[in-house]
Structure formats: C-alpha cells, structure tokens
C-alpha cells in the first residue's frame, strides 16, 4: 500500500546516504524502520501475563504477602 508522508530534508539526505551505503532503496529503509518501530512498541495482550509465576517454586500470593508485610 502506498502512503504519503512528509519527511524533512535532513532526514532525506541521511536516508539517501544510508541507502547508498547499504545498497538498498530509500523505501526499503523506511519500511524496515516502520517494522522495527512497530515491533518495539507492540501492544501486548493483557492475557499474556497469565501464568508468569507458573515456573517459579514460590507461590505468587505468598510472595505478595511477604512483600506487603514489610509495610
């Protein structure tokens, strides 16, 4: 899909230099940058947290009670 994005002149110059050095098209670098950004800022599903304590020897509730007893 094509889209229109405004990019500053200094970014274009930097992208062109990088594209030349890496022997890739500017569009390829932009797609890679977007993919990297989305991977690093991926929204996680709250359900992913279920079972995080399943591999631990200590019960999560016992841990919570110990921590709270310090207050």
N, C-alpha and C. Protein backbone atom coordinates (compact mmCIF):
# COMPACT_ATOMS: atom_id res chain seq x y z
N UNK A 1 0.84 -1.17 0.00
CA UNK A 1 0.00 0.00 0.00
C UNK A 1 0.89 1.24 0.00
N UNK A 2 0.53 2.19 -0.74
CA UNK A 2 1.28 3.44 -0.79
C UNK A 2 0.65 4.44 0.17
N UNK A 3 1.52 5.28 0.72
CA UNK A 3 1.04 6.34 1.61
C UNK A 3 1.91 7.57 1.42
N UNK A 4 1.40 8.70 1.80
CA UNK A 4 2.13 9.95 1.67
C UNK A 4 2.59 10.38 3.05
N UNK A 5 3.91 10.63 3.18
CA UNK A 5 4.49 11.04 4.45
C UNK A 5 5.43 12.20 4.19
N UNK A 6 5.33 13.25 5.00
CA UNK A 6 6.25 14.37 4.89
C UNK A 6 7.51 14.05 5.71
N UNK A 7 8.65 14.12 5.06
CA UNK A 7 9.93 13.86 5.71
C UNK A 7 10.82 15.06 5.46
N UNK A 8 11.50 15.49 6.51
CA UNK A 8 12.36 16.67 6.41
C UNK A 8 13.55 16.44 5.49
N UNK A 9 14.10 17.54 4.98
CA UNK A 9 15.22 17.47 4.04
C UNK A 9 16.43 16.77 4.65
N UNK A 10 16.72 17.07 5.92
CA UNK A 10 17.89 16.44 6.55
C UNK A 10 17.71 14.93 6.69
N UNK A 11 16.48 14.49 6.95
CA UNK A 11 16.20 13.06 7.04
C UNK A 11 16.34 12.39 5.66
N UNK A 12 15.90 13.08 4.62
CA UNK A 12 16.03 12.55 3.26
C UNK A 12 17.51 12.38 2.90
N UNK A 13 18.31 13.38 3.22
CA UNK A 13 19.75 13.32 2.93
C UNK A 13 20.38 12.14 3.68
N UNK A 14 20.02 11.99 4.97
CA UNK A 14 20.56 10.88 5.76
C UNK A 14 20.09 9.54 5.22
N UNK A 15 18.82 9.45 4.85
CA UNK A 15 18.30 8.21 4.27
C UNK A 15 19.00 7.86 2.96
N UNK A 16 19.20 8.86 2.12
CA UNK A 16 19.88 8.62 0.85
C UNK A 16 21.31 8.14 1.05
N UNK A 17 22.01 8.73 2.03
CA UNK A 17 23.38 8.29 2.32
C UNK A 17 23.39 6.86 2.83
N UNK A 18 22.45 6.54 3.71
CA UNK A 18 22.38 5.19 4.24
C UNK A 18 21.98 4.19 3.16
N UNK A 19 21.05 4.59 2.30
CA UNK A 19 20.62 3.72 1.21
C UNK A 19 21.78 3.41 0.28
N UNK A 20 22.58 4.41 -0.02
CA UNK A 20 23.74 4.22 -0.88
C UNK A 20 24.75 3.28 -0.22
N UNK A 21 25.01 3.51 1.05
CA UNK A 21 25.98 2.68 1.79
C UNK A 21 25.52 1.24 1.90
N UNK A 22 24.23 1.05 2.17
CA UNK A 22 23.69 -0.31 2.35
C UNK A 22 23.21 -0.93 1.05
N UNK A 23 23.27 -0.17 -0.03
CA UNK A 23 22.82 -0.62 -1.36
C UNK A 23 21.38 -1.11 -1.32
N UNK A 24 20.54 -0.27 -0.72
CA UNK A 24 19.11 -0.54 -0.64
C UNK A 24 18.36 0.72 -1.06
N UNK A 25 17.15 0.54 -1.47
CA UNK A 25 16.31 1.68 -1.83
C UNK A 25 15.85 2.42 -0.57
N UNK A 26 15.63 3.70 -0.71
CA UNK A 26 15.14 4.50 0.41
C UNK A 26 13.84 3.92 0.96
N UNK A 27 12.95 3.48 0.08
CA UNK A 27 11.67 2.91 0.51
C UNK A 27 11.87 1.67 1.37
N UNK A 28 12.87 0.86 1.04
CA UNK A 28 13.17 -0.33 1.83
C UNK A 28 13.59 0.06 3.25
N UNK A 29 14.44 1.08 3.35
CA UNK A 29 14.89 1.55 4.66
C UNK A 29 13.72 2.08 5.49
N UNK A 30 12.82 2.78 4.84
CA UNK A 30 11.65 3.32 5.55
C UNK A 30 10.75 2.18 6.03
N UNK A 31 10.53 1.18 5.17
CA UNK A 31 9.72 0.03 5.59
C UNK A 31 10.38 -0.70 6.76
N UNK A 32 11.71 -0.88 6.71
CA UNK A 32 12.43 -1.52 7.81
C UNK A 32 12.28 -0.72 9.10
N UNK A 33 12.38 0.60 8.99
CA UNK A 33 12.26 1.47 10.16
C UNK A 33 10.87 1.36 10.78
N UNK A 34 9.86 1.33 9.95
CA UNK A 34 8.49 1.21 10.45
C UNK A 34 8.28 -0.15 11.12
N UNK A 35 8.78 -1.21 10.50
CA UNK A 35 8.66 -2.55 11.08
C UNK A 35 9.36 -2.63 12.43
N UNK A 36 10.56 -2.04 12.52
CA UNK A 36 11.30 -2.03 13.77
C UNK A 36 10.55 -1.25 14.85
N UNK A 37 10.03 -0.10 14.49
CA UNK A 37 9.27 0.72 15.44
C UNK A 37 8.06 -0.04 15.96
N UNK A 38 7.31 -0.67 15.07
CA UNK A 38 6.12 -1.40 15.48
C UNK A 38 6.47 -2.59 16.36
N UNK A 39 7.58 -3.27 16.07
CA UNK A 39 8.00 -4.40 16.89
C UNK A 39 8.37 -3.95 18.30
N UNK A 40 9.05 -2.81 18.41
CA UNK A 40 9.47 -2.32 19.72
C UNK A 40 8.32 -1.73 20.53
N UNK A 41 7.27 -1.28 19.87
CA UNK A 41 6.15 -0.64 20.56
C UNK A 41 4.87 -1.46 20.44
N UNK A 42 5.04 -2.74 20.29
CA UNK A 42 3.91 -3.65 20.11
C UNK A 42 3.00 -3.61 21.33
N UNK A 43 1.71 -3.51 21.07
CA UNK A 43 0.73 -3.56 22.15
C UNK A 43 0.59 -5.01 22.57
N UNK A 44 0.70 -5.26 23.85
CA UNK A 44 0.59 -6.63 24.32
C UNK A 44 -0.82 -6.90 24.81
N UNK A 45 -1.18 -8.13 24.72
CA UNK A 45 -2.48 -8.59 25.20
C UNK A 45 -2.37 -8.81 26.71
N UNK A 46 -3.25 -8.25 27.51
CA UNK A 46 -3.17 -8.46 28.96
C UNK A 46 -3.17 -9.94 29.34
N UNK A 47 -3.76 -10.78 28.51
CA UNK A 47 -3.79 -12.22 28.79
C UNK A 47 -2.39 -12.83 28.74
N UNK A 48 -1.42 -12.13 28.10
CA UNK A 48 -0.06 -12.64 28.04
C UNK A 48 0.57 -12.74 29.43
N UNK A 49 0.05 -12.01 30.40
CA UNK A 49 0.62 -12.01 31.74
C UNK A 49 0.19 -13.23 32.56
N UNK A 50 -0.89 -13.87 32.18
CA UNK A 50 -1.35 -15.04 32.93
C UNK A 50 -0.32 -16.16 32.86
N UNK A 51 -0.02 -16.73 34.02
CA UNK A 51 0.91 -17.86 34.08
C UNK A 51 2.35 -17.46 34.24
N UNK A 52 2.65 -16.18 34.47
CA UNK A 52 4.04 -15.75 34.60
C UNK A 52 4.73 -16.41 35.79
N UNK A 53 3.99 -16.74 36.82
CA UNK A 53 4.58 -17.33 38.02
C UNK A 53 4.55 -18.86 37.97
N UNK A 54 4.04 -19.46 36.93
CA UNK A 54 3.87 -20.92 36.90
C UNK A 54 5.18 -21.69 36.99
N UNK A 55 6.28 -21.11 36.53
CA UNK A 55 7.56 -21.82 36.56
C UNK A 55 8.34 -21.55 37.84
N UNK A 56 7.83 -20.72 38.71
CA UNK A 56 8.53 -20.39 39.96
C UNK A 56 8.13 -21.36 41.06
N UNK A 57 9.08 -21.63 41.93
CA UNK A 57 8.82 -22.54 43.04
C UNK A 57 7.94 -21.90 44.10
N UNK A 58 8.00 -20.60 44.20
CA UNK A 58 7.26 -19.87 45.22
C UNK A 58 5.92 -19.39 44.68
N UNK A 59 4.91 -19.53 45.47
CA UNK A 59 3.57 -19.09 45.10
C UNK A 59 3.51 -17.57 45.03
N UNK A 60 2.84 -17.04 44.04
CA UNK A 60 2.73 -15.60 43.86
C UNK A 60 2.03 -14.90 45.02
N UNK A 61 1.02 -15.56 45.59
CA UNK A 61 0.30 -14.96 46.72
C UNK A 61 1.21 -14.88 47.94
N UNK A 62 2.00 -15.94 48.18
CA UNK A 62 2.94 -15.92 49.31
C UNK A 62 3.96 -14.81 49.14
N UNK A 63 4.44 -14.63 47.92
CA UNK A 63 5.39 -13.55 47.64
C UNK A 63 4.74 -12.19 47.94
N UNK A 64 3.53 -12.03 47.48
CA UNK A 64 2.80 -10.77 47.69
C UNK A 64 2.63 -10.51 49.19
N UNK A 65 2.25 -11.51 49.95
CA UNK A 65 2.05 -11.33 51.39
C UNK A 65 3.36 -10.97 52.09
N UNK A 66 4.47 -11.59 51.69
CA UNK A 66 5.77 -11.26 52.27
C UNK A 66 6.16 -9.82 51.98
N UNK A 67 5.97 -9.40 50.76
CA UNK A 67 6.31 -8.03 50.39
C UNK A 67 5.45 -7.03 51.16
N UNK A 68 4.17 -7.32 51.26
CA UNK A 68 3.27 -6.41 51.98
C UNK A 68 3.53 -6.38 53.47
N UNK A 69 4.08 -7.46 54.00
CA UNK A 69 4.35 -7.49 55.45
C UNK A 69 5.48 -6.53 55.82
N UNK A 70 6.26 -6.11 54.83
CA UNK A 70 7.33 -5.16 55.07
C UNK A 70 6.80 -3.75 55.34
N UNK A 71 5.56 -3.49 54.98
CA UNK A 71 4.99 -2.16 55.16
C UNK A 71 4.62 -2.01 56.58
